[in-house]
C-alpha atoms as a PDB file:
ATOM      1  CA  UNK A   1      -5.506  -5.680   2.876  1.00  0.00           C
ATOM      2  CA  UNK A   2      -5.650  -1.917   2.577  1.00  0.00           C
ATOM      3  CA  UNK A   3      -2.257  -0.292   2.103  1.00  0.00           C
ATOM      4  CA  UNK A   4      -1.103   2.103   4.832  1.00  0.00           C
ATOM      5  CA  UNK A   5      -1.252   5.811   3.994  1.00  0.00           C
ATOM      6  CA  UNK A   6       1.860   6.975   2.199  1.00  0.00           C
ATOM      7  CA  UNK A   7       1.877  10.617   3.098  1.00  0.00           C
ATOM      8  CA  UNK A   8       0.708  12.528   6.124  1.00  0.00           C
ATOM      9  CA  UNK A   9      -0.843  15.868   5.241  1.00  0.00           C
ATOM     10  CA  UNK A  10      -1.694  18.466   7.871  1.00  0.00           C
ATOM     11  CA  UNK A  11      -5.421  18.528   8.436  1.00  0.00           C
ATOM     12  CA  UNK A  12      -7.372  21.335   6.770  1.00  0.00           C
ATOM     13  CA  UNK A  13     -10.185  20.995   9.298  1.00  0.00           C
ATOM     14  CA  UNK A  14     -10.025  21.158  13.071  1.00  0.00           C
ATOM     15  CA  UNK A  15     -12.856  20.493  15.492  1.00  0.00           C
ATOM     16  CA  UNK A  16     -13.102  23.048  18.293  1.00  0.00           C
ATOM     17  CA  UNK A  17     -14.942  23.049  21.581  1.00  0.00           C
ATOM     18  CA  UNK A  18     -17.243  25.864  20.518  1.00  0.00           C
ATOM     19  CA  UNK A  19     -14.949  28.893  20.700  1.00  0.00           C
ATOM     20  CA  UNK A  20     -14.729  31.011  17.608  1.00  0.00           C
ATOM     21  CA  UNK A  21     -11.279  32.082  16.452  1.00  0.00           C
ATOM     22  CA  UNK A  22     -10.537  35.547  15.065  1.00  0.00           C
ATOM     23  CA  UNK A  23      -8.301  34.307  12.236  1.00  0.00           C
ATOM     24  CA  UNK A  24     -10.473  31.571  10.730  1.00  0.00           C
ATOM     25  CA  UNK A  25     -14.139  31.397   9.616  1.00  0.00           C
ATOM     26  CA  UNK A  26     -16.358  29.084  11.648  1.00  0.00           C
ATOM     27  CA  UNK A  27     -19.377  27.101  10.513  1.00  0.00           C
ATOM     28  CA  UNK A  28     -21.846  25.578  12.963  1.00  0.00           C
ATOM     29  CA  UNK A  29     -23.221  22.472  11.266  1.00  0.00           C
ATOM     30  CA  UNK A  30     -25.915  21.634  13.785  1.00  0.00           C
ATOM     31  CA  UNK A  31     -26.599  22.063  17.464  1.00  0.00           C
ATOM     32  CA  UNK A  32     -25.685  18.446  18.166  1.00  0.00           C
ATOM     33  CA  UNK A  33     -22.314  18.772  16.472  1.00  0.00           C
ATOM     34  CA  UNK A  34     -19.297  20.666  17.667  1.00  0.00           C
ATOM     35  CA  UNK A  35     -18.162  23.671  15.681  1.00  0.00           C
ATOM     36  CA  UNK A  36     -16.082  23.044  12.598  1.00  0.00           C
ATOM     37  CA  UNK A  37     -13.221  25.488  12.145  1.00  0.00           C
ATOM     38  CA  UNK A  38     -11.985  25.751   8.582  1.00  0.00           C
ATOM     39  CA  UNK A  39      -8.361  26.840   8.426  1.00  0.00           C
ATOM     40  CA  UNK A  40      -6.869  28.497   5.417  1.00  0.00           C
ATOM     41  CA  UNK A  41      -4.026  26.651   3.672  1.00  0.00           C
ATOM     42  CA  UNK A  42      -1.263  28.806   2.119  1.00  0.00           C
ATOM     43  CA  UNK A  43      -1.235  28.558  -1.660  1.00  0.00           C
ATOM     44  CA  UNK A  44       2.454  27.518  -1.716  1.00  0.00           C
ATOM     45  CA  UNK A  45       1.753  24.618   0.654  1.00  0.00           C
ATOM     46  CA  UNK A  46      -1.286  23.549  -1.382  1.00  0.00           C
ATOM     47  CA  UNK A  47       0.711  23.509  -4.621  1.00  0.00           C
ATOM     48  CA  UNK A  48       3.478  21.569  -2.918  1.00  0.00           C
ATOM     49  CA  UNK A  49       1.097  18.829  -1.807  1.00  0.00           C
ATOM     50  CA  UNK A  50      -0.765  18.717  -5.107  1.00  0.00           C
ATOM     51  CA  UNK A  51       2.532  18.436  -6.988  1.00  0.00           C
ATOM     52  CA  UNK A  52       3.863  15.684  -4.741  1.00  0.00           C
ATOM     53  CA  UNK A  53       0.576  13.798  -4.909  1.00  0.00           C
ATOM     54  CA  UNK A  54       0.877  13.820  -8.703  1.00  0.00           C
ATOM     55  CA  UNK A  55       4.120  11.848  -8.350  1.00  0.00           C
ATOM     56  CA  UNK A  56       2.214   9.035  -6.691  1.00  0.00           C
ATOM     57  CA  UNK A  57      -0.046   8.618  -9.702  1.00  0.00           C
ATOM     58  CA  UNK A  58       3.045   8.067 -11.841  1.00  0.00           C
ATOM     59  CA  UNK A  59       4.555   5.501  -9.494  1.00  0.00           C
ATOM     60  CA  UNK A  60       1.746   2.970  -9.353  1.00  0.00           C
ATOM     61  CA  UNK A  61       1.728   0.212  -8.292  1.00  0.00           C
ATOM     62  CA  UNK A  62       4.794   0.690  -6.107  1.00  0.00           C
ATOM     63  CA  UNK A  63       3.324   3.481  -3.976  1.00  0.00           C
ATOM     64  CA  UNK A  64      -0.337   3.355  -4.824  1.00  0.00           C
ATOM     65  CA  UNK A  65      -2.980   0.648  -4.965  1.00  0.00           C
ATOM     66  CA  UNK A  66      -2.405  -1.797  -7.855  1.00  0.00           C
ATOM     67  CA  UNK A  67      -4.393  -1.132 -10.996  1.00  0.00           C
ATOM     68  CA  UNK A  68      -6.135  -4.404 -11.927  1.00  0.00           C
ATOM     69  CA  UNK A  69      -6.423  -3.552 -15.618  1.00  0.00           C
ATOM     70  CA  UNK A  70      -2.619  -3.497 -15.960  1.00  0.00           C
ATOM     71  CA  UNK A  71      -0.632  -6.707 -16.248  1.00  0.00           C
ATOM     72  CA  UNK A  72       1.937  -7.149 -13.471  1.00  0.00           C
ATOM     73  CA  UNK A  73       4.653  -9.758 -13.030  1.00  0.00           C
ATOM     74  CA  UNK A  74       7.411 -10.506 -10.547  1.00  0.00           C
ATOM     75  CA  UNK A  75      10.548 -12.169 -11.903  1.00  0.00           C
ATOM     76  CA  UNK A  76      12.841 -14.587 -10.061  1.00  0.00           C
ATOM     77  CA  UNK A  77      15.349 -11.762  -9.561  1.00  0.00           C
ATOM     78  CA  UNK A  78      12.744  -9.790  -7.612  1.00  0.00           C
ATOM     79  CA  UNK A  79      12.096  -7.307 -10.420  1.00  0.00           C
ATOM     80  CA  UNK A  80       8.440  -6.277 -10.439  1.00  0.00           C
ATOM     81  CA  UNK A  81       7.078  -5.261 -13.843  1.00  0.00           C
ATOM     82  CA  UNK A  82       3.896  -3.436 -14.771  1.00  0.00           C
ATOM     83  CA  UNK A  83       2.834  -3.462 -18.413  1.00  0.00           C
ATOM     84  CA  UNK A  84       1.532   0.017 -19.192  1.00  0.00           C
ATOM     85  CA  UNK A  85       1.324  -0.205 -22.986  1.00  0.00           C
ATOM     86  CA  UNK A  86       1.823  -3.358 -25.024  1.00  0.00           C
ATOM     87  CA  UNK A  87       3.850  -2.667 -28.144  1.00  0.00           C
ATOM     88  CA  UNK A  88       2.955  -3.822 -31.635  1.00  0.00           C
ATOM     89  CA  UNK A  89       6.373  -3.820 -33.292  1.00  0.00           C
ATOM     90  CA  UNK A  90       9.473  -6.021 -33.197  1.00  0.00           C
ATOM     91  CA  UNK A  91      10.157  -7.982 -30.016  1.00  0.00           C
ATOM     92  CA  UNK A  92      13.367  -7.519 -28.029  1.00  0.00           C
ATOM     93  CA  UNK A  93      15.718 -10.437 -27.355  1.00  0.00           C
ATOM     94  CA  UNK A  94      18.897 -10.782 -25.317  1.00  0.00           C
ATOM     95  CA  UNK A  95      21.896  -9.238 -27.074  1.00  0.00           C
ATOM     96  CA  UNK A  96      19.795  -6.755 -29.075  1.00  0.00           C
ATOM     97  CA  UNK A  97      20.648  -3.060 -29.297  1.00  0.00           C
ATOM     98  CA  UNK A  98      17.649  -0.882 -28.528  1.00  0.00           C
ATOM     99  CA  UNK A  99      16.694   2.794 -28.440  1.00  0.00           C
ATOM    100  CA  UNK A 100      14.638   3.820 -25.426  1.00  0.00           C
ATOM    101  CA  UNK A 101      13.321   6.698 -23.402  1.00  0.00           C
ATOM    102  CA  UNK A 102      13.343   6.166 -19.656  1.00  0.00           C
ATOM    103  CA  UNK A 103      12.764   7.814 -16.326  1.00  0.00           C
ATOM    104  CA  UNK A 104      14.337   6.753 -13.038  1.00  0.00           C
ATOM    105  CA  UNK A 105      13.361   7.420  -9.436  1.00  0.00           C
ATOM    106  CA  UNK A 106      14.540   6.147  -6.113  1.00  0.00           C
ATOM    107  CA  UNK A 107      12.083   3.939  -4.246  1.00  0.00           C
ATOM    108  CA  UNK A 108      11.073   6.870  -2.009  1.00  0.00           C
ATOM    109  CA  UNK A 109       9.807   8.728  -5.101  1.00  0.00           C
ATOM    110  CA  UNK A 110      12.813  11.063  -5.382  1.00  0.00           C
ATOM    111  CA  UNK A 111      13.380  11.954  -9.039  1.00  0.00           C
ATOM    112  CA  UNK A 112      16.816  10.976 -10.385  1.00  0.00           C
ATOM    113  CA  UNK A 113      16.892  11.264 -14.164  1.00  0.00           C
ATOM    114  CA  UNK A 114      14.790  11.132 -17.320  1.00  0.00           C
ATOM    115  CA  UNK A 115      15.550  11.252 -21.019  1.00  0.00           C
ATOM    116  CA  UNK A 116      12.356  13.277 -21.500  1.00  0.00           C
ATOM    117  CA  UNK A 117      12.453  16.878 -20.312  1.00  0.00           C
ATOM    118  CA  UNK A 118       9.628  17.396 -17.816  1.00  0.00           C
ATOM    119  CA  UNK A 119       8.952  20.947 -18.973  1.00  0.00           C
ATOM    120  CA  UNK A 120       9.540  21.032 -22.744  1.00  0.00           C
ATOM    121  CA  UNK A 121       8.675  17.396 -23.456  1.00  0.00           C
ATOM    122  CA  UNK A 122      11.794  17.060 -25.627  1.00  0.00           C
ATOM    123  CA  UNK A 123      13.468  13.675 -25.468  1.00  0.00           C
ATOM    124  CA  UNK A 124      17.048  12.447 -25.751  1.00  0.00           C
ATOM    125  CA  UNK A 125      16.700   8.682 -26.218  1.00  0.00           C
ATOM    126  CA  UNK A 126      19.578   6.405 -25.238  1.00  0.00           C
ATOM    127  CA  UNK A 127      20.997   3.377 -27.008  1.00  0.00           C
ATOM    128  CA  UNK A 128      21.374   0.283 -24.836  1.00  0.00           C
ATOM    129  CA  UNK A 129      23.043  -3.055 -25.509  1.00  0.00           C
ATOM    130  CA  UNK A 130      21.194  -5.873 -23.774  1.00  0.00           C
ATOM    131  CA  UNK A 131      24.280  -7.463 -22.297  1.00  0.00           C
ATOM    132  CA  UNK A 132      24.732  -7.812 -18.531  1.00  0.00           C
ATOM    133  CA  UNK A 133      28.276  -6.467 -18.807  1.00  0.00           C
ATOM    134  CA  UNK A 134      26.964  -3.204 -20.271  1.00  0.00           C
ATOM    135  CA  UNK A 135      23.509  -2.629 -18.774  1.00  0.00           C
ATOM    136  CA  UNK A 136      22.045  -3.134 -15.317  1.00  0.00           C
ATOM    137  CA  UNK A 137      20.646  -6.641 -15.146  1.00  0.00           C
ATOM    138  CA  UNK A 138      17.225  -5.610 -13.847  1.00  0.00           C
ATOM    139  CA  UNK A 139      16.586  -3.220 -16.720  1.00  0.00           C
ATOM    140  CA  UNK A 140      17.731  -5.829 -19.233  1.00  0.00           C
ATOM    141  CA  UNK A 141      15.104  -8.190 -17.800  1.00  0.00           C
ATOM    142  CA  UNK A 142      12.479  -5.472 -18.116  1.00  0.00           C
ATOM    143  CA  UNK A 143      13.315  -4.828 -21.771  1.00  0.00           C
ATOM    144  CA  UNK A 144      13.517  -8.435 -22.947  1.00  0.00           C
ATOM    145  CA  UNK A 145      10.161  -9.457 -24.368  1.00  0.00           C
ATOM    146  CA  UNK A 146       8.987  -5.889 -24.976  1.00  0.00           C
ATOM    147  CA  UNK A 147       7.779  -4.870 -28.416  1.00  0.00           C
ATOM    148  CA  UNK A 148       8.442  -1.545 -30.140  1.00  0.00           C
ATOM    149  CA  UNK A 149       5.946   1.041 -28.946  1.00  0.00           C
ATOM    150  CA  UNK A 150       5.577  -0.667 -25.591  1.00  0.00           C
ATOM    151  CA  UNK A 151       5.964   0.943 -22.196  1.00  0.00           C
ATOM    152  CA  UNK A 152       6.749  -0.704 -18.848  1.00  0.00           C
ATOM    153  CA  UNK A 153       7.219   0.414 -15.269  1.00  0.00           C
ATOM    154  CA  UNK A 154       9.383  -1.633 -12.917  1.00  0.00           C
ATOM    155  CA  UNK A 155      10.724  -1.815  -9.393  1.00  0.00           C
ATOM    156  CA  UNK A 156      14.330  -3.025  -9.658  1.00  0.00           C
ATOM    157  CA  UNK A 157      16.051  -4.364  -6.504  1.00  0.00           C
ATOM    158  CA  UNK A 158      19.536  -3.079  -5.697  1.00  0.00           C
ATOM    159  CA  UNK A 159      21.014  -6.545  -6.284  1.00  0.00           C
ATOM    160  CA  UNK A 160      20.232  -6.283 -10.012  1.00  0.00           C
ATOM    161  CA  UNK A 161      20.649  -2.519 -10.395  1.00  0.00           C
ATOM    162  CA  UNK A 162      23.868  -0.455 -10.310  1.00  0.00           C
ATOM    163  CA  UNK A 163      26.263  -3.110  -9.021  1.00  0.00           C
ATOM    164  CA  UNK A 164      28.989  -1.293 -10.997  1.00  0.00           C
ATOM    165  CA  UNK A 165      29.327   2.365 -11.931  1.00  0.00           C
ATOM    166  CA  UNK A 166      30.222   1.321 -15.484  1.00  0.00           C
ATOM    167  CA  UNK A 167      26.753  -0.036 -16.202  1.00  0.00           C
ATOM    168  CA  UNK A 168      24.270   1.775 -18.394  1.00  0.00           C
ATOM    169  CA  UNK A 169      22.114   3.772 -18.421  1.00  0.00           C
ATOM    170  CA  UNK A 170      24.206   6.271 -16.506  1.00  0.00           C
ATOM    171  CA  UNK A 171      23.312   9.990 -16.626  1.00  0.00           C
ATOM    172  CA  UNK A 172      26.034  12.340 -17.860  1.00  0.00           C
ATOM    173  CA  UNK A 173      25.146  15.096 -15.381  1.00  0.00           C
ATOM    174  CA  UNK A 174      26.986  15.052 -12.060  1.00  0.00           C
ATOM    175  CA  UNK A 175      23.894  15.449  -9.838  1.00  0.00           C
ATOM    176  CA  UNK A 176      21.866  12.485 -11.129  1.00  0.00           C
ATOM    177  CA  UNK A 177      24.991  10.328 -11.369  1.00  0.00           C
ATOM    178  CA  UNK A 178      25.930  11.110  -7.763  1.00  0.00           C
ATOM    179  CA  UNK A 179      22.364  10.396  -6.627  1.00  0.00           C
ATOM    180  CA  UNK A 180      22.476   6.947  -8.212  1.00  0.00           C
ATOM    181  CA  UNK A 181      25.920   5.968  -7.012  1.00  0.00           C
ATOM    182  CA  UNK A 182      25.406   7.203  -3.463  1.00  0.00           C
ATOM    183  CA  UNK A 183      22.236   5.095  -3.057  1.00  0.00           C
ATOM    184  CA  UNK A 184      23.293   1.856  -4.728  1.00  0.00           C
ATOM    185  CA  UNK A 185      21.807  -0.178  -1.880  1.00  0.00           C
ATOM    186  CA  UNK A 186      18.273   1.058  -2.643  1.00  0.00           C
ATOM    187  CA  UNK A 187      15.785  -0.316  -5.195  1.00  0.00           C
ATOM    188  CA  UNK A 188      14.967   1.889  -8.190  1.00  0.00           C
ATOM    189  CA  UNK A 189      11.823   2.609 -10.139  1.00  0.00           C
ATOM    190  CA  UNK A 190      12.239   2.693 -13.906  1.00  0.00           C
ATOM    191  CA  UNK A 191       9.682   3.638 -16.503  1.00  0.00           C
ATOM    192  CA  UNK A 192      10.885   2.713 -19.974  1.00  0.00           C
ATOM    193  CA  UNK A 193       9.472   3.153 -23.478  1.00  0.00           C
ATOM    194  CA  UNK A 194      10.867   1.067 -26.330  1.00  0.00           C
ATOM    195  CA  UNK A 195      11.283   3.231 -29.434  1.00  0.00           C
ATOM    196  CA  UNK A 196      13.274   1.015 -31.779  1.00  0.00           C
ATOM    197  CA  UNK A 197      15.259  -2.208 -32.102  1.00  0.00           C
ATOM    198  CA  UNK A 198      18.493  -1.150 -33.840  1.00  0.00           C
ATOM    199  CA  UNK A 199      20.361  -4.458 -34.066  1.00  0.00           C
ATOM    200  CA  UNK A 200      19.345  -8.040 -33.398  1.00  0.00           C
END
């Protein structure tokens, strides 16, 4: 079944009854068709929509059509995982200490936090202990079974996300931290890259 449209953009084209407008060029396609009025779109608005549309490409398959070439699984906890890159290094097990880069968004696409700077590309990886008392359960489930070099994207239900404000990963900055803790009843989208297994 085709997914419903996610965003509603204002139409760039409007069909008129034949009257020409002074502020927009008009093209008559054929006598049997009505006139097609092409309206100009402000550059700021165009960039806004192009930028937001780019977000959707980075949130597949949660907001966009599933990509069949990528492996996807749903765990008993409700966590949905998409395998983006399969790693070739050491495999992660429960209780391991790992070094990762990650990005987090709310389920509506709103950006929360990332260890990789979106402008400079510089990263500040975080160390995580795969213990439910120290890390959100859903992310622990995402990481277990990954191999170094691998990358996964996951939709994590609220029931296995930030059930406590003491769970990692928790951003240091006030804004991202407040965004997470004030929406604890919403699912989260995580994209995580496994860089290294520090302790097993």
